[in-house]
Amino acid sequence: GPFMITVAGRAAGCGDSPDDTCKRTVDVLGLHLAAGSLPSYLTSFAT
């Protein structure tokens, strides 16, 4: 979770912050999801 937030945050332009405060988004199949929330969305989709 923390590592995905960091890596996706870089792609979104959030820098290297490891926390979940990044509000900038990444594109996931046409959906704009906050980088800080991406691990939660991935876990929900997998479940």
All heavy atoms as atom14 arrays in JSON, in Angstrom:
{
  "sequence": "GPFMITVAGRAAGCGDSPDDTCKRTVDVLGLHLAAGSLPSYLTSFAT",
  "atom14_mask": [
    [1, 1, 1, 1, 0, 0, 0, 0, 0, 0, 0, 0, 0, 0],
    [1, 1, 1, 1, 1, 1, 1, 0, 0, 0, 0, 0, 0, 0],
    [1, 1, 1, 1, 1, 1, 1, 1, 1, 1, 1, 0, 0, 0],
    [1, 1, 1, 1, 1, 1, 1, 1, 0, 0, 0, 0, 0, 0],
    [1, 1, 1, 1, 1, 1, 1, 1, 0, 0, 0, 0, 0, 0],
    [1, 1, 1, 1, 1, 1, 1, 0, 0, 0, 0, 0, 0, 0],
    [1, 1, 1, 1, 1, 1, 1, 0, 0, 0, 0, 0, 0, 0],
    [1, 1, 1, 1, 1, 0, 0, 0, 0, 0, 0, 0, 0, 0],
    [1, 1, 1, 1, 0, 0, 0, 0, 0, 0, 0, 0, 0, 0],
    [1, 1, 1, 1, 1, 1, 1, 1, 1, 1, 1, 0, 0, 0],
    [1, 1, 1, 1, 1, 0, 0, 0, 0, 0, 0, 0, 0, 0],
    [1, 1, 1, 1, 1, 0, 0, 0, 0, 0, 0, 0, 0, 0],
    [1, 1, 1, 1, 0, 0, 0, 0, 0, 0, 0, 0, 0, 0],
    [1, 1, 1, 1, 1, 1, 0, 0, 0, 0, 0, 0, 0, 0],
    [1, 1, 1, 1, 0, 0, 0, 0, 0, 0, 0, 0, 0, 0],
    [1, 1, 1, 1, 1, 1, 1, 1, 0, 0, 0, 0, 0, 0],
    [1, 1, 1, 1, 1, 1, 0, 0, 0, 0, 0, 0, 0, 0],
    [1, 1, 1, 1, 1, 1, 1, 0, 0, 0, 0, 0, 0, 0],
    [1, 1, 1, 1, 1, 1, 1, 1, 0, 0, 0, 0, 0, 0],
    [1, 1, 1, 1, 1, 1, 1, 1, 0, 0, 0, 0, 0, 0],
    [1, 1, 1, 1, 1, 1, 1, 0, 0, 0, 0, 0, 0, 0],
    [1, 1, 1, 1, 1, 1, 0, 0, 0, 0, 0, 0, 0, 0],
    [1, 1, 1, 1, 1, 1, 1, 1, 1, 0, 0, 0, 0, 0],
    [1, 1, 1, 1, 1, 1, 1, 1, 1, 1, 1, 0, 0, 0],
    [1, 1, 1, 1, 1, 1, 1, 0, 0, 0, 0, 0, 0, 0],
    [1, 1, 1, 1, 1, 1, 1, 0, 0, 0, 0, 0, 0, 0],
    [1, 1, 1, 1, 1, 1, 1, 1, 0, 0, 0, 0, 0, 0],
    [1, 1, 1, 1, 1, 1, 1, 0, 0, 0, 0, 0, 0, 0],
    [1, 1, 1, 1, 1, 1, 1, 1, 0, 0, 0, 0, 0, 0],
    [1, 1, 1, 1, 0, 0, 0, 0, 0, 0, 0, 0, 0, 0],
    [1, 1, 1, 1, 1, 1, 1, 1, 0, 0, 0, 0, 0, 0],
    [1, 1, 1, 1, 1, 1, 1, 1, 1, 1, 0, 0, 0, 0],
    [1, 1, 1, 1, 1, 1, 1, 1, 0, 0, 0, 0, 0, 0],
    [1, 1, 1, 1, 1, 0, 0, 0, 0, 0, 0, 0, 0, 0],
    [1, 1, 1, 1, 1, 0, 0, 0, 0, 0, 0, 0, 0, 0],
    [1, 1, 1, 1, 0, 0, 0, 0, 0, 0, 0, 0, 0, 0],
    [1, 1, 1, 1, 1, 1, 0, 0, 0, 0, 0, 0, 0, 0],
    [1, 1, 1, 1, 1, 1, 1, 1, 0, 0, 0, 0, 0, 0],
    [1, 1, 1, 1, 1, 1, 1, 0, 0, 0, 0, 0, 0, 0],
    [1, 1, 1, 1, 1, 1, 0, 0, 0, 0, 0, 0, 0, 0],
    [1, 1, 1, 1, 1, 1, 1, 1, 1, 1, 1, 1, 0, 0],
    [1, 1, 1, 1, 1, 1, 1, 1, 0, 0, 0, 0, 0, 0],
    [1, 1, 1, 1, 1, 1, 1, 0, 0, 0, 0, 0, 0, 0],
    [1, 1, 1, 1, 1, 1, 0, 0, 0, 0, 0, 0, 0, 0],
    [1, 1, 1, 1, 1, 1, 1, 1, 1, 1, 1, 0, 0, 0],
    [1, 1, 1, 1, 1, 0, 0, 0, 0, 0, 0, 0, 0, 0],
    [1, 1, 1, 1, 1, 1, 1, 0, 0, 0, 0, 0, 0, 0]
  ],
  "atom14_positions": [
    [[0.8, -1.22, 0.0], [0.0, 0.0, 0.0], [0.83, 1.27, 0.0], [0.7, 2.11, -0.9], [0.0, 0.0, 0.0], [0.0, 0.0, 0.0], [0.0, 0.0, 0.0], [0.0, 0.0, 0.0], [0.0, 0.0, 0.0], [0.0, 0.0, 0.0], [0.0, 0.0, 0.0], [0.0, 0.0, 0.0], [0.0, 0.0, 0.0], [0.0, 0.0, 0.0]],
    [[1.71, 1.46, 1.0], [2.51, 2.69, 1.0], [3.39, 2.83, -0.23], [3.58, 3.94, -0.75], [3.36, 2.54, 2.28], [2.57, 1.62, 3.15], [1.9, 0.65, 2.22], [0.0, 0.0, 0.0], [0.0, 0.0, 0.0], [0.0, 0.0, 0.0], [0.0, 0.0, 0.0], [0.0, 0.0, 0.0], [0.0, 0.0, 0.0], [0.0, 0.0, 0.0]],
    [[3.95, 1.7, -0.73], [4.82, 1.78, -1.89], [4.04, 2.15, -3.15], [4.49, 2.96, -3.97], [5.55, 0.45, -2.08], [6.62, 0.49, -3.14], [7.57, 1.5, -3.16], [6.68, -0.49, -4.12], [8.56, 1.54, -4.14], [7.66, -0.46, -5.1], [8.61, 0.56, -5.1], [0.0, 0.0, 0.0], [0.0, 0.0, 0.0], [0.0, 0.0, 0.0]],
    [[2.84, 1.57, -3.32], [2.01, 1.9, -4.47], [1.63, 3.38, -4.45], [1.62, 4.06, -5.48], [0.76, 1.03, -4.51], [-0.28, 1.45, -5.56], [0.36, 1.54, -7.24], [0.25, -0.17, -7.74], [0.0, 0.0, 0.0], [0.0, 0.0, 0.0], [0.0, 0.0, 0.0], [0.0, 0.0, 0.0], [0.0, 0.0, 0.0], [0.0, 0.0, 0.0]],
    [[1.31, 3.91, -3.28], [0.96, 5.33, -3.16], [2.14, 6.19, -3.59], [1.98, 7.2, -4.3], [0.53, 5.65, -1.72], [-0.82, 5.01, -1.41], [0.45, 7.17, -1.51], [-1.23, 5.1, 0.04], [0.0, 0.0, 0.0], [0.0, 0.0, 0.0], [0.0, 0.0, 0.0], [0.0, 0.0, 0.0], [0.0, 0.0, 0.0], [0.0, 0.0, 0.0]],
    [[3.35, 5.8, -3.19], [4.54, 6.57, -3.56], [4.76, 6.54, -5.07], [4.99, 7.58, -5.7], [5.78, 6.01, -2.84], [5.61, 6.15, -1.43], [7.04, 6.76, -3.26], [0.0, 0.0, 0.0], [0.0, 0.0, 0.0], [0.0, 0.0, 0.0], [0.0, 0.0, 0.0], [0.0, 0.0, 0.0], [0.0, 0.0, 0.0], [0.0, 0.0, 0.0]],
    [[4.7, 5.35, -5.68], [4.97, 5.21, -7.1], [3.88, 5.88, -7.94], [4.17, 6.64, -8.88], [5.11, 3.72, -7.48], [5.27, 3.55, -8.99], [6.31, 3.09, -6.76], [0.0, 0.0, 0.0], [0.0, 0.0, 0.0], [0.0, 0.0, 0.0], [0.0, 0.0, 0.0], [0.0, 0.0, 0.0], [0.0, 0.0, 0.0], [0.0, 0.0, 0.0]],
    [[2.62, 5.63, -7.59], [1.52, 6.26, -8.32], [1.51, 7.76, -8.09], [1.15, 8.54, -8.98], [0.19, 5.65, -7.89], [0.0, 0.0, 0.0], [0.0, 0.0, 0.0], [0.0, 0.0, 0.0], [0.0, 0.0, 0.0], [0.0, 0.0, 0.0], [0.0, 0.0, 0.0], [0.0, 0.0, 0.0], [0.0, 0.0, 0.0], [0.0, 0.0, 0.0]],
    [[1.92, 8.19, -6.89], [1.98, 9.61, -6.59], [2.98, 10.33, -7.48], [2.75, 11.48, -7.89], [0.0, 0.0, 0.0], [0.0, 0.0, 0.0], [0.0, 0.0, 0.0], [0.0, 0.0, 0.0], [0.0, 0.0, 0.0], [0.0, 0.0, 0.0], [0.0, 0.0, 0.0], [0.0, 0.0, 0.0], [0.0, 0.0, 0.0], [0.0, 0.0, 0.0]],
    [[4.1, 9.69, -7.77], [5.06, 10.3, -8.69], [4.44, 10.51, -10.07], [4.62, 11.55, -10.7], [6.29, 9.4, -8.83], [7.19, 9.35, -7.62], [8.52, 8.72, -7.99], [9.24, 8.31, -6.79], [9.55, 7.07, -6.49], [9.23, 6.1, -7.32], [10.2, 6.8, -5.39], [0.0, 0.0, 0.0], [0.0, 0.0, 0.0], [0.0, 0.0, 0.0]],
    [[3.72, 9.48, -10.53], [3.07, 9.59, -11.85], [2.04, 10.71, -11.85], [1.8, 11.35, -12.88], [2.42, 8.26, -12.22], [0.0, 0.0, 0.0], [0.0, 0.0, 0.0], [0.0, 0.0, 0.0], [0.0, 0.0, 0.0], [0.0, 0.0, 0.0], [0.0, 0.0, 0.0], [0.0, 0.0, 0.0], [0.0, 0.0, 0.0], [0.0, 0.0, 0.0]],
    [[1.41, 10.96, -10.7], [0.38, 12.0, -10.61], [0.97, 13.38, -10.33], [0.25, 14.38, -10.33], [-0.62, 11.64, -9.52], [0.0, 0.0, 0.0], [0.0, 0.0, 0.0], [0.0, 0.0, 0.0], [0.0, 0.0, 0.0], [0.0, 0.0, 0.0], [0.0, 0.0, 0.0], [0.0, 0.0, 0.0], [0.0, 0.0, 0.0], [0.0, 0.0, 0.0]],
    [[2.29, 13.42, -10.05], [2.94, 14.69, -9.77], [2.93, 15.08, -8.32], [3.06, 16.27, -7.97], [0.0, 0.0, 0.0], [0.0, 0.0, 0.0], [0.0, 0.0, 0.0], [0.0, 0.0, 0.0], [0.0, 0.0, 0.0], [0.0, 0.0, 0.0], [0.0, 0.0, 0.0], [0.0, 0.0, 0.0], [0.0, 0.0, 0.0], [0.0, 0.0, 0.0]],
    [[2.8, 14.09, -7.41], [2.75, 14.38, -5.98], [4.11, 14.37, -5.31], [4.21, 14.63, -4.12], [1.86, 13.37, -5.27], [0.15, 13.36, -5.83], [0.0, 0.0, 0.0], [0.0, 0.0, 0.0], [0.0, 0.0, 0.0], [0.0, 0.0, 0.0], [0.0, 0.0, 0.0], [0.0, 0.0, 0.0], [0.0, 0.0, 0.0], [0.0, 0.0, 0.0]],
    [[5.14, 14.0, -6.03], [6.45, 13.86, -5.4], [6.59, 12.5, -4.76], [5.93, 11.53, -5.13], [0.0, 0.0, 0.0], [0.0, 0.0, 0.0], [0.0, 0.0, 0.0], [0.0, 0.0, 0.0], [0.0, 0.0, 0.0], [0.0, 0.0, 0.0], [0.0, 0.0, 0.0], [0.0, 0.0, 0.0], [0.0, 0.0, 0.0], [0.0, 0.0, 0.0]],
    [[7.47, 12.4, -3.75], [7.78, 11.12, -3.13], [7.13, 10.93, -1.77], [7.56, 10.12, -0.97], [9.3, 10.97, -2.95], [10.0, 10.79, -4.28], [9.36, 10.24, -5.2], [11.17, 11.2, -4.41], [0.0, 0.0, 0.0], [0.0, 0.0, 0.0], [0.0, 0.0, 0.0], [0.0, 0.0, 0.0], [0.0, 0.0, 0.0], [0.0, 0.0, 0.0]],
    [[6.07, 11.67, -1.48], [5.4, 11.54, -0.18], [4.83, 10.14, -0.03], [4.09, 9.67, -0.87], [4.26, 12.55, -0.06], [3.56, 12.34, 1.14], [0.0, 0.0, 0.0], [0.0, 0.0, 0.0], [0.0, 0.0, 0.0], [0.0, 0.0, 0.0], [0.0, 0.0, 0.0], [0.0, 0.0, 0.0], [0.0, 0.0, 0.0], [0.0, 0.0, 0.0]],
    [[5.17, 9.42, 1.06], [4.69, 8.06, 1.24], [3.33, 7.96, 1.9], [2.84, 6.87, 2.12], [5.76, 7.46, 2.17], [6.18, 8.62, 3.03], [6.12, 9.83, 2.11], [0.0, 0.0, 0.0], [0.0, 0.0, 0.0], [0.0, 0.0, 0.0], [0.0, 0.0, 0.0], [0.0, 0.0, 0.0], [0.0, 0.0, 0.0], [0.0, 0.0, 0.0]],
    [[2.72, 9.09, 2.24], [1.43, 8.98, 2.93], [0.3, 9.05, 1.92], [0.5, 9.07, 0.72], [1.29, 10.05, 4.02], [1.38, 11.46, 3.45], [0.95, 11.66, 2.3], [1.9, 12.35, 4.16], [0.0, 0.0, 0.0], [0.0, 0.0, 0.0], [0.0, 0.0, 0.0], [0.0, 0.0, 0.0], [0.0, 0.0, 0.0], [0.0, 0.0, 0.0]],
    [[-0.93, 9.07, 2.43], [-2.09, 8.99, 1.56], [-2.75, 10.36, 1.34], [-3.93, 10.44, 1.06], [-3.11, 8.01, 2.14], [-3.59, 8.4, 3.52], [-3.08, 9.4, 4.04], [-4.45, 7.69, 4.07], [0.0, 0.0, 0.0], [0.0, 0.0, 0.0], [0.0, 0.0, 0.0], [0.0, 0.0, 0.0], [0.0, 0.0, 0.0], [0.0, 0.0, 0.0]],
    [[-1.95, 11.42, 1.47], [-2.54, 12.75, 1.36], [-2.56, 13.27, -0.08], [-3.09, 14.34, -0.32], [-1.76, 13.75, 2.23], [-0.37, 13.76, 1.8], [-1.82, 13.35, 3.7], [0.0, 0.0, 0.0], [0.0, 0.0, 0.0], [0.0, 0.0, 0.0], [0.0, 0.0, 0.0], [0.0, 0.0, 0.0], [0.0, 0.0, 0.0], [0.0, 0.0, 0.0]],
    [[-1.96, 12.52, -1.01], [-1.92, 12.99, -2.39], [-3.32, 12.93, -3.01], [-3.92, 11.87, -3.09], [-0.96, 12.14, -3.22], [-0.89, 12.64, -4.95], [0.0, 0.0, 0.0], [0.0, 0.0, 0.0], [0.0, 0.0, 0.0], [0.0, 0.0, 0.0], [0.0, 0.0, 0.0], [0.0, 0.0, 0.0], [0.0, 0.0, 0.0], [0.0, 0.0, 0.0]],
    [[-3.81, 14.09, -3.44], [-5.16, 14.15, -4.02], [-5.13, 14.13, -5.55], [-6.17, 14.05, -6.19], [-5.88, 15.42, -3.55], [-5.94, 15.58, -2.04], [-6.63, 14.42, -1.35], [-6.71, 14.66, 0.16], [-7.25, 13.5, 0.88], [0.0, 0.0, 0.0], [0.0, 0.0, 0.0], [0.0, 0.0, 0.0], [0.0, 0.0, 0.0], [0.0, 0.0, 0.0]],
    [[-3.93, 14.25, -6.14], [-3.85, 14.22, -7.6], [-4.19, 12.83, -8.1], [-4.01, 11.83, -7.39], [-2.45, 14.63, -8.06], [-2.12, 16.08, -7.7], [-0.86, 16.54, -8.4], [-0.55, 17.92, -8.05], [0.45, 18.61, -8.59], [1.23, 18.04, -9.49], [0.67, 19.85, -8.22], [0.0, 0.0, 0.0], [0.0, 0.0, 0.0], [0.0, 0.0, 0.0]],
    [[-4.66, 12.76, -9.33], [-5.23, 11.51, -9.82], [-4.37, 10.85, -10.88], [-3.55, 11.49, -11.55], [-6.63, 11.76, -10.4], [-6.52, 12.65, -11.53], [-7.55, 12.34, -9.36], [0.0, 0.0, 0.0], [0.0, 0.0, 0.0], [0.0, 0.0, 0.0], [0.0, 0.0, 0.0], [0.0, 0.0, 0.0], [0.0, 0.0, 0.0], [0.0, 0.0, 0.0]],
    [[-4.58, 9.54, -11.02], [-4.02, 8.76, -12.12], [-5.19, 8.16, -12.89], [-6.29, 7.97, -12.35], [-3.08, 7.65, -11.61], [-1.83, 8.25, -11.01], [-3.79, 6.76, -10.59], [0.0, 0.0, 0.0], [0.0, 0.0, 0.0], [0.0, 0.0, 0.0], [0.0, 0.0, 0.0], [0.0, 0.0, 0.0], [0.0, 0.0, 0.0], [0.0, 0.0, 0.0]],
    [[-4.94, 7.85, -14.13], [-6.0, 7.32, -15.0], [-6.01, 5.8, -14.93], [-5.01, 5.14, -15.23], [-5.78, 7.78, -16.44], [-6.89, 7.3, -17.36], [-7.92, 7.99, -17.46], [-6.74, 6.21, -17.94], [0.0, 0.0, 0.0], [0.0, 0.0, 0.0], [0.0, 0.0, 0.0], [0.0, 0.0, 0.0], [0.0, 0.0, 0.0], [0.0, 0.0, 0.0]],
    [[-7.15, 5.23, -14.53], [-7.34, 3.77, -14.47], [-8.55, 3.42, -15.31], [-9.69, 3.65, -14.9], [-7.53, 3.28, -13.03], [-7.67, 1.75, -13.01], [-6.36, 3.71, -12.15], [0.0, 0.0, 0.0], [0.0, 0.0, 0.0], [0.0, 0.0, 0.0], [0.0, 0.0, 0.0], [0.0, 0.0, 0.0], [0.0, 0.0, 0.0], [0.0, 0.0, 0.0]],
    [[-8.31, 2.94, -16.52], [-9.38, 2.55, -17.44], [-10.38, 3.69, -17.63], [-11.61, 3.49, -17.62], [-10.09, 1.3, -16.92], [-9.23, 0.05, -16.75], [-10.04, -1.09, -16.15], [-8.61, -0.37, -18.08], [0.0, 0.0, 0.0], [0.0, 0.0, 0.0], [0.0, 0.0, 0.0], [0.0, 0.0, 0.0], [0.0, 0.0, 0.0], [0.0, 0.0, 0.0]],
    [[-9.87, 4.89, -17.77], [-10.73, 6.05, -18.0], [-11.24, 6.71, -16.74], [-11.86, 7.78, -16.81], [0.0, 0.0, 0.0], [0.0, 0.0, 0.0], [0.0, 0.0, 0.0], [0.0, 0.0, 0.0], [0.0, 0.0, 0.0], [0.0, 0.0, 0.0], [0.0, 0.0, 0.0], [0.0, 0.0, 0.0], [0.0, 0.0, 0.0], [0.0, 0.0, 0.0]],
    [[-11.0, 6.1, -15.59], [-11.42, 6.69, -14.32], [-10.25, 7.45, -13.71], [-9.1, 6.97, -13.71], [-11.89, 5.6, -13.35], [-13.07, 4.75, -13.8], [-13.32, 3.63, -12.8], [-14.32, 5.61, -13.96], [0.0, 0.0, 0.0], [0.0, 0.0, 0.0], [0.0, 0.0, 0.0], [0.0, 0.0, 0.0], [0.0, 0.0, 0.0], [0.0, 0.0, 0.0]],
    [[-10.52, 8.62, -13.16], [-9.48, 9.42, -12.52], [-9.54, 9.18, -11.02], [-10.44, 9.67, -10.32], [-9.67, 10.9, -12.86], [-9.53, 11.17, -14.33], [-8.32, 11.21, -14.98], [-10.48, 11.39, -15.29], [-8.5, 11.45, -16.26], [-9.8, 11.57, -16.48], [0.0, 0.0, 0.0], [0.0, 0.0, 0.0], [0.0, 0.0, 0.0], [0.0, 0.0, 0.0]],
    [[-8.57, 8.41, -10.52], [-8.56, 8.0, -9.12], [-7.4, 8.66, -8.4], [-6.29, 8.76, -8.94], [-8.43, 6.48, -9.01], [-9.48, 5.65, -9.75], [-9.19, 4.16, -9.57], [-10.89, 5.99, -9.28], [0.0, 0.0, 0.0], [0.0, 0.0, 0.0], [0.0, 0.0, 0.0], [0.0, 0.0, 0.0], [0.0, 0.0, 0.0], [0.0, 0.0, 0.0]],
    [[-7.65, 9.12, -7.17], [-6.59, 9.73, -6.38], [-5.48, 8.72, -6.12], [-5.75, 7.57, -5.75], [-7.16, 10.23, -5.06], [0.0, 0.0, 0.0], [0.0, 0.0, 0.0], [0.0, 0.0, 0.0], [0.0, 0.0, 0.0], [0.0, 0.0, 0.0], [0.0, 0.0, 0.0], [0.0, 0.0, 0.0], [0.0, 0.0, 0.0], [0.0, 0.0, 0.0]],
    [[-4.24, 9.16, -6.33], [-3.11, 8.25, -6.11], [-3.08, 7.72, -4.69], [-2.75, 6.55, -4.45], [-1.81, 8.98, -6.43], [0.0, 0.0, 0.0], [0.0, 0.0, 0.0], [0.0, 0.0, 0.0], [0.0, 0.0, 0.0], [0.0, 0.0, 0.0], [0.0, 0.0, 0.0], [0.0, 0.0, 0.0], [0.0, 0.0, 0.0], [0.0, 0.0, 0.0]],
    [[-3.45, 8.57, -3.72], [-3.45, 8.13, -2.33], [-4.49, 7.08, -2.01], [-4.39, 6.38, -1.0], [0.0, 0.0, 0.0], [0.0, 0.0, 0.0], [0.0, 0.0, 0.0], [0.0, 0.0, 0.0], [0.0, 0.0, 0.0], [0.0, 0.0, 0.0], [0.0, 0.0, 0.0], [0.0, 0.0, 0.0], [0.0, 0.0, 0.0], [0.0, 0.0, 0.0]],
    [[-5.53, 6.96, -2.85], [-6.58, 5.97, -2.61], [-6.45, 4.73, -3.48], [-7.24, 3.8, -3.34], [-7.96, 6.61, -2.9], [-8.19, 7.72, -2.07], [0.0, 0.0, 0.0], [0.0, 0.0, 0.0], [0.0, 0.0, 0.0], [0.0, 0.0, 0.0], [0.0, 0.0, 0.0], [0.0, 0.0, 0.0], [0.0, 0.0, 0.0], [0.0, 0.0, 0.0]],
    [[-5.44, 4.72, -4.36], [-5.33, 3.63, -5.34], [-5.22, 2.25, -4.7], [-5.91, 1.32, -5.14], [-4.14, 3.88, -6.27], [-4.01, 2.94, -7.47], [-5.28, 2.95, -8.32], [-2.8, 3.33, -8.31], [0.0, 0.0, 0.0], [0.0, 0.0, 0.0], [0.0, 0.0, 0.0], [0.0, 0.0, 0.0], [0.0, 0.0, 0.0], [0.0, 0.0, 0.0]],
    [[-4.4, 2.03, -3.64], [-4.34, 0.69, -3.05], [-5.7, 0.21, -2.53], [-6.04, -0.98, -2.66], [-3.34, 0.85, -1.9], [-2.49, 1.99, -2.31], [-3.42, 2.94, -3.02], [0.0, 0.0, 0.0], [0.0, 0.0, 0.0], [0.0, 0.0, 0.0], [0.0, 0.0, 0.0], [0.0, 0.0, 0.0], [0.0, 0.0, 0.0], [0.0, 0.0, 0.0]],
    [[-6.48, 1.11, -1.95], [-7.8, 0.72, -1.45], [-8.73, 0.29, -2.59], [-9.45, -0.69, -2.48], [-8.43, 1.88, -0.68], [-7.66, 2.22, 0.44], [0.0, 0.0, 0.0], [0.0, 0.0, 0.0], [0.0, 0.0, 0.0], [0.0, 0.0, 0.0], [0.0, 0.0, 0.0], [0.0, 0.0, 0.0], [0.0, 0.0, 0.0], [0.0, 0.0, 0.0]],
    [[-8.68, 1.04, -3.7], [-9.51, 0.68, -4.84], [-9.08, -0.66, -5.43], [-9.92, -1.48, -5.82], [-9.43, 1.77, -5.91], [-10.17, 3.04, -5.55], [-9.52, 4.27, -5.55], [-11.52, 3.01, -5.21], [-10.21, 5.43, -5.23], [-12.21, 4.17, -4.89], [-11.55, 5.37, -4.9], [-12.22, 6.52, -4.57], [0.0, 0.0, 0.0], [0.0, 0.0, 0.0]],
    [[-7.78, -0.9, -5.51], [-7.29, -2.17, -6.05], [-7.7, -3.34, -5.15], [-8.12, -4.39, -5.65], [-5.77, -2.13, -6.18], [-5.21, -1.16, -7.23], [-3.7, -1.08, -7.13], [-5.63, -1.58, -8.63], [0.0, 0.0, 0.0], [0.0, 0.0, 0.0], [0.0, 0.0, 0.0], [0.0, 0.0, 0.0], [0.0, 0.0, 0.0], [0.0, 0.0, 0.0]],
    [[-7.6, -3.14, -3.85], [-8.01, -4.2, -2.92], [-9.5, -4.48, -3.04], [-9.93, -5.63, -3.06], [-7.67, -3.79, -1.48], [-6.25, -3.59, -1.37], [-8.09, -4.87, -0.49], [0.0, 0.0, 0.0], [0.0, 0.0, 0.0], [0.0, 0.0, 0.0], [0.0, 0.0, 0.0], [0.0, 0.0, 0.0], [0.0, 0.0, 0.0], [0.0, 0.0, 0.0]],
    [[-10.3, -3.43, -3.15], [-11.75, -3.61, -3.29], [-12.08, -4.35, -4.57], [-12.93, -5.26, -4.58], [-12.45, -2.24, -3.27], [-12.24, -1.59, -2.04], [0.0, 0.0, 0.0], [0.0, 0.0, 0.0], [0.0, 0.0, 0.0], [0.0, 0.0, 0.0], [0.0, 0.0, 0.0], [0.0, 0.0, 0.0], [0.0, 0.0, 0.0], [0.0, 0.0, 0.0]],
    [[-11.43, -3.98, -5.67], [-11.69, -4.66, -6.94], [-11.31, -6.13, -6.86], [-12.05, -7.0, -7.34], [-10.91, -3.98, -8.07], [-11.11, -4.64, -9.41], [-12.28, -4.42, -10.14], [-10.16, -5.5, -9.92], [-12.48, -5.05, -11.36], [-10.35, -6.12, -11.14], [-11.51, -5.9, -11.87], [0.0, 0.0, 0.0], [0.0, 0.0, 0.0], [0.0, 0.0, 0.0]],
    [[-10.17, -6.42, -6.24], [-9.73, -7.82, -6.12], [-10.7, -8.63, -5.27], [-10.99, -9.79, -5.58], [-8.33, -7.88, -5.52], [0.0, 0.0, 0.0], [0.0, 0.0, 0.0], [0.0, 0.0, 0.0], [0.0, 0.0, 0.0], [0.0, 0.0, 0.0], [0.0, 0.0, 0.0], [0.0, 0.0, 0.0], [0.0, 0.0, 0.0], [0.0, 0.0, 0.0]],
    [[-11.22, -8.04, -4.18], [-12.14, -8.78, -3.32], [-13.46, -9.05, -4.03], [-14.03, -10.14, -3.92], [-12.4, -8.02, -2.01], [-12.9, -6.71, -2.31], [-11.13, -7.9, -1.19], [0.0, 0.0, 0.0], [0.0, 0.0, 0.0], [0.0, 0.0, 0.0], [0.0, 0.0, 0.0], [0.0, 0.0, 0.0], [0.0, 0.0, 0.0], [0.0, 0.0, 0.0]]
  ]
}
